Amino acid sequence: MKEGGSMPQVLKDEVFERIFQAGVDVFYEKDYRSAKMQEIADKAGIPVSLIYNYHKNKEELFDKIASSLRINFDKIAAEEEQAAGLPSEKYRDVAEDYILDLLENYKIFVILMDKSQGTKYEYAKDQLIHSIEQHIHRQLDKKTHISYNDMLCHILASNFAEGILEVARHYKDREFAHTMLSLVTKCYYEGVNSL
């Protein structure tokens, strides 16, 4: 193999990555509907026509970005439900690192949850809330014979999902996210008076 044989692929990969990162930045600043391919090209420092060598349209670029973040709260909920200990311990042992890893891609997470209207991902936040809601419902069913109105599980799930999103929206670094999530979950499991 010639020494320079892989150079075009390296350049192609670099351009792809620049487009991807520019897309993340522009979709994060705006949203899917408001973002323009020209803005993404300007951010990437390339002609807009070059984007179309990599992605046939804005929808395809958005899909590449959104699908790069694998979210599976149902799997984490199932693992947490199988773990031993108090609910707060199960969260800490099973879900905490998963959420912290997810938040390291906070821009893509926010794009997916808040800025995906008009795409196949526009119900991602509703799906997240539903997953958490079902988890809470199953846990309540195990712990008590009292039948609570389903709205309680929905409110708790919505609040928890919104707490994660607020940490993502104001993300500074993993330590910040860990501190904030620790406080949120402490309130969630023990109440505000526990602070």
N, C-alpha and C. Protein backbone atom coordinates (compact mmCIF):
# COMPACT_ATOMS: atom_id res chain seq x y z
N MET A 1 0.84 -1.18 0.00
CA MET A 1 0.00 0.00 0.00
C MET A 1 0.88 1.23 0.00
N LYS A 2 0.53 2.19 -0.81
CA LYS A 2 1.29 3.43 -0.86
C LYS A 2 1.09 4.21 0.43
N GLU A 3 2.10 4.99 0.77
CA GLU A 3 2.05 5.76 2.00
C GLU A 3 0.87 6.73 1.99
N GLY A 4 0.60 7.36 0.87
CA GLY A 4 -0.48 8.34 0.79
C GLY A 4 -1.80 7.73 0.39
N GLY A 5 -1.91 6.42 0.32
CA GLY A 5 -3.11 5.74 -0.15
C GLY A 5 -4.35 6.01 0.68
N SER A 6 -4.21 6.25 1.97
CA SER A 6 -5.38 6.46 2.81
C SER A 6 -5.71 7.93 3.01
N MET A 7 -4.93 8.83 2.42
CA MET A 7 -5.13 10.26 2.63
C MET A 7 -6.53 10.74 2.22
N PRO A 8 -7.07 10.33 1.04
CA PRO A 8 -8.41 10.80 0.71
C PRO A 8 -9.45 10.36 1.73
N GLN A 9 -9.33 9.15 2.28
CA GLN A 9 -10.28 8.68 3.28
C GLN A 9 -10.16 9.48 4.56
N VAL A 10 -8.93 9.82 4.96
CA VAL A 10 -8.72 10.63 6.16
C VAL A 10 -9.40 11.98 5.98
N LEU A 11 -9.22 12.59 4.83
CA LEU A 11 -9.84 13.88 4.55
C LEU A 11 -11.36 13.74 4.54
N LYS A 12 -11.87 12.70 3.93
CA LYS A 12 -13.31 12.45 3.87
C LYS A 12 -13.87 12.30 5.29
N ASP A 13 -13.18 11.53 6.13
CA ASP A 13 -13.61 11.34 7.52
C ASP A 13 -13.59 12.66 8.28
N GLU A 14 -12.56 13.48 8.03
CA GLU A 14 -12.46 14.77 8.71
C GLU A 14 -13.61 15.69 8.30
N VAL A 15 -13.93 15.73 7.02
CA VAL A 15 -15.04 16.56 6.54
C VAL A 15 -16.36 16.06 7.12
N PHE A 16 -16.55 14.74 7.14
CA PHE A 16 -17.76 14.16 7.71
C PHE A 16 -17.90 14.59 9.18
N GLU A 17 -16.80 14.50 9.92
CA GLU A 17 -16.82 14.87 11.34
C GLU A 17 -17.10 16.36 11.53
N ARG A 18 -16.53 17.19 10.67
CA ARG A 18 -16.80 18.64 10.76
C ARG A 18 -18.26 18.94 10.49
N ILE A 19 -18.84 18.28 9.51
CA ILE A 19 -20.27 18.46 9.21
C ILE A 19 -21.11 17.98 10.39
N PHE A 20 -20.77 16.82 10.93
CA PHE A 20 -21.50 16.25 12.06
C PHE A 20 -21.48 17.22 13.24
N GLN A 21 -20.29 17.69 13.62
CA GLN A 21 -20.16 18.59 14.77
C GLN A 21 -20.85 19.93 14.52
N ALA A 22 -20.75 20.44 13.31
CA ALA A 22 -21.44 21.69 12.97
C ALA A 22 -22.94 21.49 13.05
N GLY A 23 -23.41 20.33 12.59
CA GLY A 23 -24.84 20.01 12.68
C GLY A 23 -25.29 19.96 14.13
N VAL A 24 -24.51 19.32 14.98
CA VAL A 24 -24.83 19.27 16.41
C VAL A 24 -24.94 20.69 16.96
N ASP A 25 -23.96 21.53 16.68
CA ASP A 25 -23.97 22.90 17.21
C ASP A 25 -25.16 23.70 16.72
N VAL A 26 -25.46 23.62 15.44
CA VAL A 26 -26.56 24.42 14.87
C VAL A 26 -27.92 23.89 15.33
N PHE A 27 -28.11 22.58 15.33
CA PHE A 27 -29.39 22.04 15.81
C PHE A 27 -29.57 22.33 17.30
N TYR A 28 -28.48 22.35 18.06
CA TYR A 28 -28.55 22.65 19.49
C TYR A 28 -28.91 24.13 19.71
N GLU A 29 -28.30 25.01 18.93
CA GLU A 29 -28.58 26.44 19.05
C GLU A 29 -30.00 26.77 18.61
N LYS A 30 -30.47 26.08 17.60
CA LYS A 30 -31.79 26.37 17.04
C LYS A 30 -32.69 25.16 17.29
N ASP A 31 -33.10 24.50 16.27
CA ASP A 31 -33.83 23.24 16.32
C ASP A 31 -33.88 22.71 14.90
N TYR A 32 -34.48 21.54 14.72
CA TYR A 32 -34.51 20.95 13.38
C TYR A 32 -35.15 21.87 12.37
N ARG A 33 -36.31 22.40 12.69
CA ARG A 33 -37.06 23.22 11.72
C ARG A 33 -36.34 24.52 11.39
N SER A 34 -35.73 25.15 12.37
CA SER A 34 -35.11 26.47 12.16
C SER A 34 -33.72 26.40 11.55
N ALA A 35 -33.03 25.31 11.75
CA ALA A 35 -31.65 25.18 11.25
C ALA A 35 -31.63 25.16 9.72
N LYS A 36 -30.65 25.83 9.16
CA LYS A 36 -30.45 25.87 7.71
C LYS A 36 -29.14 25.17 7.37
N MET A 37 -29.15 24.48 6.25
CA MET A 37 -27.93 23.79 5.80
C MET A 37 -26.79 24.79 5.58
N GLN A 38 -27.11 25.98 5.15
CA GLN A 38 -26.08 27.00 4.95
C GLN A 38 -25.40 27.35 6.26
N GLU A 39 -26.17 27.42 7.34
CA GLU A 39 -25.59 27.70 8.66
C GLU A 39 -24.66 26.57 9.10
N ILE A 40 -25.05 25.36 8.80
CA ILE A 40 -24.22 24.20 9.15
C ILE A 40 -22.93 24.24 8.34
N ALA A 41 -23.04 24.55 7.06
CA ALA A 41 -21.85 24.65 6.19
C ALA A 41 -20.93 25.75 6.69
N ASP A 42 -21.50 26.91 7.02
CA ASP A 42 -20.68 28.03 7.52
C ASP A 42 -19.95 27.62 8.80
N LYS A 43 -20.66 26.94 9.70
CA LYS A 43 -20.05 26.49 10.96
C LYS A 43 -18.93 25.48 10.71
N ALA A 44 -19.13 24.63 9.69
CA ALA A 44 -18.12 23.62 9.35
C ALA A 44 -16.98 24.19 8.51
N GLY A 45 -17.18 25.40 7.98
CA GLY A 45 -16.16 26.03 7.15
C GLY A 45 -16.02 25.37 5.78
N ILE A 46 -17.14 24.95 5.22
CA ILE A 46 -17.13 24.29 3.91
C ILE A 46 -18.25 24.85 3.05
N PRO A 47 -18.19 24.66 1.73
CA PRO A 47 -19.32 25.06 0.88
C PRO A 47 -20.54 24.18 1.18
N VAL A 48 -21.73 24.76 1.13
CA VAL A 48 -22.94 24.01 1.44
C VAL A 48 -23.11 22.82 0.50
N SER A 49 -22.66 22.95 -0.73
CA SER A 49 -22.80 21.84 -1.69
C SER A 49 -22.04 20.59 -1.23
N LEU A 50 -20.95 20.78 -0.46
CA LEU A 50 -20.17 19.64 0.02
C LEU A 50 -20.95 18.79 1.02
N ILE A 51 -21.84 19.41 1.78
CA ILE A 51 -22.66 18.65 2.73
C ILE A 51 -23.46 17.59 1.99
N TYR A 52 -23.94 17.95 0.80
CA TYR A 52 -24.80 17.03 0.05
C TYR A 52 -24.03 15.85 -0.55
N ASN A 53 -22.71 15.89 -0.49
CA ASN A 53 -21.92 14.71 -0.85
C ASN A 53 -21.97 13.65 0.26
N TYR A 54 -22.34 14.10 1.46
CA TYR A 54 -22.36 13.22 2.63
C TYR A 54 -23.78 12.89 3.10
N HIS A 55 -24.68 13.84 2.93
CA HIS A 55 -26.06 13.68 3.40
C HIS A 55 -26.99 14.25 2.34
N LYS A 56 -28.02 13.48 1.96
CA LYS A 56 -28.87 13.94 0.86
C LYS A 56 -29.72 15.14 1.24
N ASN A 57 -29.98 15.32 2.55
CA ASN A 57 -30.76 16.48 2.99
C ASN A 57 -30.59 16.69 4.50
N LYS A 58 -31.24 17.71 5.01
CA LYS A 58 -31.15 18.05 6.42
C LYS A 58 -31.70 16.93 7.30
N GLU A 59 -32.76 16.30 6.85
CA GLU A 59 -33.37 15.20 7.60
C GLU A 59 -32.38 14.06 7.81
N GLU A 60 -31.63 13.71 6.77
CA GLU A 60 -30.66 12.63 6.88
C GLU A 60 -29.53 13.00 7.84
N LEU A 61 -29.06 14.24 7.77
CA LEU A 61 -28.02 14.70 8.69
C LEU A 61 -28.54 14.66 10.13
N PHE A 62 -29.76 15.14 10.34
CA PHE A 62 -30.35 15.12 11.68
C PHE A 62 -30.46 13.69 12.19
N ASP A 63 -30.88 12.79 11.32
CA ASP A 63 -31.01 11.38 11.69
C ASP A 63 -29.67 10.79 12.11
N LYS A 64 -28.61 11.13 11.39
CA LYS A 64 -27.26 10.64 11.75
C LYS A 64 -26.89 11.11 13.16
N ILE A 65 -27.20 12.37 13.43
CA ILE A 65 -26.86 12.95 14.74
C ILE A 65 -27.71 12.32 15.83
N ALA A 66 -29.02 12.31 15.64
CA ALA A 66 -29.93 11.81 16.67
C ALA A 66 -29.72 10.32 16.94
N SER A 67 -29.48 9.54 15.90
CA SER A 67 -29.31 8.10 16.09
C SER A 67 -27.95 7.72 16.66
N SER A 68 -27.04 8.69 16.74
CA SER A 68 -25.72 8.40 17.31
C SER A 68 -25.78 8.23 18.83
N LEU A 69 -26.87 8.68 19.44
CA LEU A 69 -27.04 8.58 20.88
C LEU A 69 -28.04 7.46 21.17
N ARG A 70 -27.55 6.40 21.71
CA ARG A 70 -28.39 5.23 22.00
C ARG A 70 -29.03 5.40 23.38
N ILE A 71 -30.33 5.54 23.40
CA ILE A 71 -31.05 5.68 24.66
C ILE A 71 -31.95 4.47 24.83
N ASN A 72 -31.78 3.78 25.95
CA ASN A 72 -32.62 2.63 26.22
C ASN A 72 -32.95 2.59 27.71
N PHE A 73 -33.87 3.46 28.11
CA PHE A 73 -34.26 3.52 29.51
C PHE A 73 -35.03 2.27 29.94
N ASP A 74 -35.71 1.61 28.99
CA ASP A 74 -36.42 0.38 29.35
C ASP A 74 -35.44 -0.67 29.85
N LYS A 75 -34.28 -0.78 29.19
CA LYS A 75 -33.26 -1.75 29.59
C LYS A 75 -32.70 -1.41 30.98
N ILE A 76 -32.40 -0.14 31.20
CA ILE A 76 -31.87 0.30 32.50
C ILE A 76 -32.91 0.08 33.58
N ALA A 77 -34.18 0.40 33.28
CA ALA A 77 -35.25 0.20 34.26
C ALA A 77 -35.36 -1.27 34.63
N ALA A 78 -35.29 -2.15 33.63
CA ALA A 78 -35.38 -3.60 33.89
C ALA A 78 -34.22 -4.06 34.76
N GLU A 79 -33.01 -3.57 34.48
CA GLU A 79 -31.84 -3.93 35.29
C GLU A 79 -32.00 -3.41 36.72
N GLU A 80 -32.50 -2.19 36.84
CA GLU A 80 -32.68 -1.60 38.16
C GLU A 80 -33.72 -2.40 38.97
N GLU A 81 -34.78 -2.84 38.29
CA GLU A 81 -35.83 -3.60 38.96
C GLU A 81 -35.33 -4.96 39.45
N GLN A 82 -34.31 -5.50 38.80
CA GLN A 82 -33.75 -6.80 39.21
C GLN A 82 -32.71 -6.66 40.31
N ALA A 83 -32.20 -5.45 40.52
CA ALA A 83 -31.15 -5.23 41.52
C ALA A 83 -31.74 -5.27 42.93
N ALA A 84 -30.86 -5.48 43.88
CA ALA A 84 -31.26 -5.53 45.29
C ALA A 84 -30.99 -4.18 45.94
N GLY A 85 -31.73 -3.91 47.00
CA GLY A 85 -31.49 -2.70 47.78
C GLY A 85 -32.65 -1.73 47.71
N LEU A 86 -32.44 -0.59 48.37
CA LEU A 86 -33.43 0.48 48.36
C LEU A 86 -33.49 1.09 46.96
N PRO A 87 -34.61 1.73 46.60
CA PRO A 87 -34.69 2.37 45.28
C PRO A 87 -33.54 3.33 44.99
N SER A 88 -33.13 4.09 45.98
CA SER A 88 -32.03 5.04 45.77
C SER A 88 -30.71 4.31 45.51
N GLU A 89 -30.51 3.18 46.18
CA GLU A 89 -29.30 2.39 45.97
C GLU A 89 -29.31 1.74 44.58
N LYS A 90 -30.48 1.26 44.18
CA LYS A 90 -30.59 0.65 42.84
C LYS A 90 -30.30 1.68 41.76
N TYR A 91 -30.85 2.89 41.95
CA TYR A 91 -30.57 3.96 40.99
C TYR A 91 -29.07 4.21 40.92
N ARG A 92 -28.45 4.38 42.08
CA ARG A 92 -27.02 4.69 42.13
C ARG A 92 -26.18 3.58 41.49
N ASP A 93 -26.54 2.34 41.77
CA ASP A 93 -25.75 1.20 41.28
C ASP A 93 -25.97 0.89 39.81
N VAL A 94 -27.16 1.17 39.30
CA VAL A 94 -27.50 0.75 37.94
C VAL A 94 -27.63 1.92 36.96
N ALA A 95 -28.38 2.93 37.35
CA ALA A 95 -28.76 3.97 36.38
C ALA A 95 -27.84 5.20 36.37
N GLU A 96 -27.22 5.50 37.48
CA GLU A 96 -26.48 6.77 37.58
C GLU A 96 -25.39 6.91 36.51
N ASP A 97 -24.52 5.93 36.38
CA ASP A 97 -23.44 6.03 35.38
C ASP A 97 -24.00 6.08 33.97
N TYR A 98 -25.08 5.33 33.73
CA TYR A 98 -25.71 5.36 32.40
C TYR A 98 -26.17 6.78 32.06
N ILE A 99 -26.83 7.44 33.01
CA ILE A 99 -27.32 8.80 32.76
C ILE A 99 -26.16 9.76 32.63
N LEU A 100 -25.13 9.61 33.45
CA LEU A 100 -23.96 10.50 33.35
C LEU A 100 -23.26 10.33 32.01
N ASP A 101 -23.14 9.09 31.54
CA ASP A 101 -22.55 8.85 30.22
C ASP A 101 -23.40 9.50 29.12
N LEU A 102 -24.70 9.37 29.26
CA LEU A 102 -25.62 9.98 28.31
C LEU A 102 -25.44 11.50 28.27
N LEU A 103 -25.28 12.09 29.44
CA LEU A 103 -25.17 13.55 29.53
C LEU A 103 -23.84 14.08 29.01
N GLU A 104 -22.85 13.22 28.86
CA GLU A 104 -21.61 13.69 28.23
C GLU A 104 -21.87 14.08 26.78
N ASN A 105 -22.95 13.57 26.21
CA ASN A 105 -23.41 13.98 24.88
C ASN A 105 -24.63 14.89 25.04
N TYR A 106 -24.53 15.83 25.97
CA TYR A 106 -25.68 16.65 26.36
C TYR A 106 -26.31 17.40 25.20
N LYS A 107 -25.50 17.87 24.25
CA LYS A 107 -26.09 18.61 23.14
C LYS A 107 -27.00 17.70 22.31
N ILE A 108 -26.55 16.51 22.02
CA ILE A 108 -27.37 15.58 21.23
C ILE A 108 -28.60 15.16 22.04
N PHE A 109 -28.45 14.96 23.34
CA PHE A 109 -29.58 14.61 24.19
C PHE A 109 -30.63 15.72 24.17
N VAL A 110 -30.20 16.96 24.31
CA VAL A 110 -31.13 18.09 24.27
C VAL A 110 -31.78 18.21 22.90
N ILE A 111 -30.99 18.05 21.84
CA ILE A 111 -31.54 18.08 20.48
C ILE A 111 -32.65 17.04 20.35
N LEU A 112 -32.38 15.85 20.80
CA LEU A 112 -33.33 14.75 20.69
C LEU A 112 -34.60 15.03 21.49
N MET A 113 -34.45 15.52 22.69
CA MET A 113 -35.59 15.72 23.58
C MET A 113 -36.37 17.01 23.32
N ASP A 114 -35.66 18.08 22.96
CA ASP A 114 -36.28 19.41 22.87
C ASP A 114 -36.39 19.98 21.46
N LYS A 115 -35.57 19.51 20.54
CA LYS A 115 -35.42 20.23 19.28
C LYS A 115 -35.65 19.36 18.05
N SER A 116 -36.46 18.33 18.20
CA SER A 116 -36.63 17.37 17.11
C SER A 116 -38.02 17.42 16.47
N GLN A 117 -38.81 18.46 16.77
CA GLN A 117 -40.13 18.56 16.17
C GLN A 117 -40.00 18.57 14.65
N GLY A 118 -40.88 17.80 14.00
CA GLY A 118 -40.84 17.70 12.55
C GLY A 118 -40.00 16.54 12.05
N THR A 119 -39.48 15.73 12.97
CA THR A 119 -38.68 14.56 12.60
C THR A 119 -39.31 13.31 13.21
N LYS A 120 -38.78 12.16 12.86
CA LYS A 120 -39.28 10.92 13.44
C LYS A 120 -38.94 10.79 14.93
N TYR A 121 -38.14 11.70 15.45
CA TYR A 121 -37.73 11.68 16.86
C TYR A 121 -38.56 12.62 17.73
N GLU A 122 -39.57 13.27 17.16
CA GLU A 122 -40.26 14.32 17.90
C GLU A 122 -40.97 13.82 19.16
N TYR A 123 -41.17 12.52 19.29
CA TYR A 123 -41.81 11.99 20.50
C TYR A 123 -40.80 11.33 21.44
N ALA A 124 -39.53 11.61 21.26
CA ALA A 124 -38.49 10.99 22.09
C ALA A 124 -38.68 11.32 23.57
N LYS A 125 -39.01 12.56 23.87
CA LYS A 125 -39.21 12.95 25.27
C LYS A 125 -40.43 12.24 25.85
N ASP A 126 -41.51 12.16 25.09
CA ASP A 126 -42.70 11.45 25.55
C ASP A 126 -42.38 9.97 25.81
N GLN A 127 -41.56 9.38 24.95
CA GLN A 127 -41.17 7.98 25.13
C GLN A 127 -40.32 7.79 26.38
N LEU A 128 -39.43 8.74 26.62
CA LEU A 128 -38.61 8.70 27.84
C LEU A 128 -39.50 8.77 29.07
N ILE A 129 -40.42 9.72 29.09
CA ILE A 129 -41.33 9.88 30.23
C ILE A 129 -42.16 8.61 30.41
N HIS A 130 -42.66 8.07 29.33
CA HIS A 130 -43.46 6.84 29.41
C HIS A 130 -42.65 5.68 30.00
N SER A 131 -41.42 5.55 29.58
CA SER A 131 -40.56 4.49 30.09
C SER A 131 -40.35 4.64 31.60
N ILE A 132 -40.06 5.85 32.04
CA ILE A 132 -39.86 6.11 33.48
C ILE A 132 -41.17 5.89 34.23
N GLU A 133 -42.27 6.33 33.64
CA GLU A 133 -43.59 6.17 34.25
C GLU A 133 -43.92 4.70 34.48
N GLN A 134 -43.68 3.87 33.48
CA GLN A 134 -43.95 2.44 33.61
C GLN A 134 -43.06 1.81 34.69
N HIS A 135 -41.81 2.26 34.76
CA HIS A 135 -40.87 1.78 35.78
C HIS A 135 -41.40 2.13 37.18
N ILE A 136 -41.82 3.36 37.37
CA ILE A 136 -42.35 3.79 38.67
C ILE A 136 -43.59 2.99 39.02
N HIS A 137 -44.44 2.81 38.04
CA HIS A 137 -45.68 2.06 38.27
C HIS A 137 -45.38 0.63 38.73
N ARG A 138 -44.45 -0.03 38.05
CA ARG A 138 -44.09 -1.40 38.44
C ARG A 138 -43.50 -1.44 39.84
N GLN A 139 -42.67 -0.45 40.17
CA GLN A 139 -42.06 -0.42 41.49
C GLN A 139 -43.11 -0.17 42.57
N LEU A 140 -44.06 0.72 42.31
CA LEU A 140 -45.13 0.96 43.28
C LEU A 140 -45.97 -0.29 43.49
N ASP A 141 -46.27 -0.99 42.40
CA ASP A 141 -47.06 -2.22 42.49
C ASP A 141 -46.38 -3.27 43.37
N LYS A 142 -45.04 -3.30 43.34
CA LYS A 142 -44.30 -4.26 44.17
C LYS A 142 -44.32 -3.87 45.64
N LYS A 143 -44.34 -2.56 45.91
CA LYS A 143 -44.15 -2.09 47.27
C LYS A 143 -45.43 -1.89 48.06
N THR A 144 -46.54 -1.65 47.36
CA THR A 144 -47.76 -1.31 48.09
C THR A 144 -48.99 -1.93 47.43
N HIS A 145 -50.01 -2.11 48.25
CA HIS A 145 -51.28 -2.60 47.73
C HIS A 145 -52.24 -1.45 47.48
N ILE A 146 -51.82 -0.25 47.84
CA ILE A 146 -52.65 0.93 47.62
C ILE A 146 -52.66 1.24 46.13
N SER A 147 -53.82 1.54 45.63
CA SER A 147 -53.95 1.86 44.20
C SER A 147 -53.95 3.38 44.03
N TYR A 148 -52.86 3.90 43.50
CA TYR A 148 -52.76 5.34 43.27
C TYR A 148 -53.26 5.67 41.86
N ASN A 149 -53.74 6.87 41.70
CA ASN A 149 -54.14 7.35 40.38
C ASN A 149 -52.92 7.34 39.46
N ASP A 150 -53.09 6.88 38.23
CA ASP A 150 -51.98 6.80 37.27
C ASP A 150 -51.30 8.13 37.04
N MET A 151 -52.02 9.22 37.30
CA MET A 151 -51.44 10.55 37.11
C MET A 151 -50.23 10.75 38.02
N LEU A 152 -50.23 10.13 39.19
CA LEU A 152 -49.09 10.27 40.10
C LEU A 152 -47.80 9.77 39.44
N CYS A 153 -47.85 8.57 38.84
CA CYS A 153 -46.67 8.03 38.16
C CYS A 153 -46.25 8.94 37.00
N HIS A 154 -47.22 9.47 36.30
CA HIS A 154 -46.91 10.36 35.17
C HIS A 154 -46.22 11.63 35.66
N ILE A 155 -46.72 12.22 36.72
CA ILE A 155 -46.12 13.45 37.26
C ILE A 155 -44.70 13.18 37.75
N LEU A 156 -44.53 12.10 38.50
CA LEU A 156 -43.18 11.77 39.00
C LEU A 156 -42.21 11.53 37.84
N ALA A 157 -42.66 10.80 36.83
CA ALA A 157 -41.81 10.51 35.66
C ALA A 157 -41.48 11.79 34.90
N SER A 158 -42.47 12.65 34.71
CA SER A 158 -42.25 13.92 34.01
C SER A 158 -41.24 14.78 34.75
N ASN A 159 -41.40 14.84 36.07
CA ASN A 159 -40.48 15.64 36.88
C ASN A 159 -39.05 15.10 36.82
N PHE A 160 -38.93 13.77 36.89
CA PHE A 160 -37.60 13.17 36.85
C PHE A 160 -36.94 13.40 35.48
N ALA A 161 -37.69 13.18 34.41
CA ALA A 161 -37.17 13.40 33.06
C ALA A 161 -36.78 14.87 32.87
N GLU A 162 -37.60 15.77 33.36
CA GLU A 162 -37.30 17.20 33.23
C GLU A 162 -36.07 17.55 34.06
N GLY A 163 -35.88 16.90 35.19
CA GLY A 163 -34.67 17.13 35.99
C GLY A 163 -33.42 16.74 35.23
N ILE A 164 -33.46 15.58 34.58
CA ILE A 164 -32.32 15.14 33.76
C ILE A 164 -32.07 16.14 32.63
N LEU A 165 -33.17 16.59 32.01
CA LEU A 165 -33.03 17.54 30.90
C LEU A 165 -32.47 18.88 31.36
N GLU A 166 -32.89 19.33 32.52
CA GLU A 166 -32.35 20.60 33.03
C GLU A 166 -30.84 20.50 33.28
N VAL A 167 -30.41 19.36 33.79
CA VAL A 167 -28.97 19.16 33.96
C VAL A 167 -28.29 19.19 32.59
N ALA A 168 -28.89 18.55 31.60
CA ALA A 168 -28.32 18.55 30.24
C ALA A 168 -28.28 19.95 29.65
N ARG A 169 -29.35 20.71 29.83
CA ARG A 169 -29.43 22.06 29.27
C ARG A 169 -28.38 23.00 29.87
N HIS A 170 -27.96 22.71 31.08
CA HIS A 170 -26.99 23.58 31.78
C HIS A 170 -25.67 22.85 32.05
N TYR A 171 -25.41 21.82 31.28
CA TYR A 171 -24.25 20.96 31.48
C TYR A 171 -22.94 21.76 31.44
N LYS A 172 -22.08 21.49 32.42
CA LYS A 172 -20.75 22.09 32.46
C LYS A 172 -19.69 21.00 32.28
N ASP A 173 -19.81 19.96 33.09
CA ASP A 173 -18.90 18.81 33.02
C ASP A 173 -19.53 17.67 33.81
N ARG A 174 -18.85 16.52 33.79
CA ARG A 174 -19.41 15.33 34.45
C ARG A 174 -19.57 15.55 35.95
N GLU A 175 -18.64 16.24 36.57
CA GLU A 175 -18.73 16.49 38.01
C GLU A 175 -19.97 17.32 38.35
N PHE A 176 -20.21 18.37 37.56
CA PHE A 176 -21.41 19.19 37.74
C PHE A 176 -22.66 18.32 37.59
N ALA A 177 -22.71 17.51 36.55
CA ALA A 177 -23.86 16.65 36.30
C ALA A 177 -24.06 15.67 37.46
N HIS A 178 -22.97 15.09 37.94
CA HIS A 178 -23.06 14.14 39.05
C HIS A 178 -23.60 14.82 40.30
N THR A 179 -23.09 16.00 40.62
CA THR A 179 -23.56 16.73 41.80
C THR A 179 -25.05 17.06 41.68
N MET A 180 -25.45 17.59 40.55
CA MET A 180 -26.85 17.97 40.37
C MET A 180 -27.77 16.75 40.39
N LEU A 181 -27.39 15.69 39.69
CA LEU A 181 -28.22 14.49 39.69
C LEU A 181 -28.30 13.86 41.08
N SER A 182 -27.21 13.91 41.83
CA SER A 182 -27.23 13.38 43.19
C SER A 182 -28.24 14.14 44.05
N LEU A 183 -28.25 15.46 43.91
CA LEU A 183 -29.20 16.28 44.68
C LEU A 183 -30.64 16.04 44.22
N VAL A 184 -30.83 15.98 42.91
CA VAL A 184 -32.17 15.75 42.38
C VAL A 184 -32.70 14.40 42.84
N THR A 185 -31.88 13.37 42.73
CA THR A 185 -32.35 12.03 43.13
C THR A 185 -32.54 11.94 44.64
N LYS A 186 -31.74 12.65 45.41
CA LYS A 186 -31.94 12.68 46.87
C LYS A 186 -33.32 13.25 47.18
N CYS A 187 -33.66 14.38 46.52
CA CYS A 187 -34.99 14.96 46.69
C CYS A 187 -36.06 14.02 46.19
N TYR A 188 -35.78 13.37 45.09
CA TYR A 188 -36.74 12.47 44.46
C TYR A 188 -37.06 11.29 45.38
N TYR A 189 -36.03 10.71 45.99
CA TYR A 189 -36.24 9.53 46.83
C TYR A 189 -36.56 9.85 48.29
N GLU A 190 -36.03 10.99 48.80
CA GLU A 190 -36.16 11.27 50.22
C GLU A 190 -36.95 12.54 50.52
N GLY A 191 -37.23 13.34 49.51
CA GLY A 191 -37.96 14.58 49.72
C GLY A 191 -37.02 15.76 49.90
N VAL A 192 -37.55 16.95 49.70
CA VAL A 192 -36.76 18.18 49.78
C VAL A 192 -36.21 18.39 51.19
N ASN A 193 -36.92 17.92 52.19
CA ASN A 193 -36.46 18.09 53.58
C ASN A 193 -35.18 17.33 53.87
N SER A 194 -34.78 16.44 52.96
CA SER A 194 -33.54 15.68 53.17
C SER A 194 -32.30 16.50 52.88
N LEU A 195 -32.47 17.65 52.24
CA LEU A 195 -31.31 18.48 51.90
C LEU A 195 -30.80 19.23 53.10
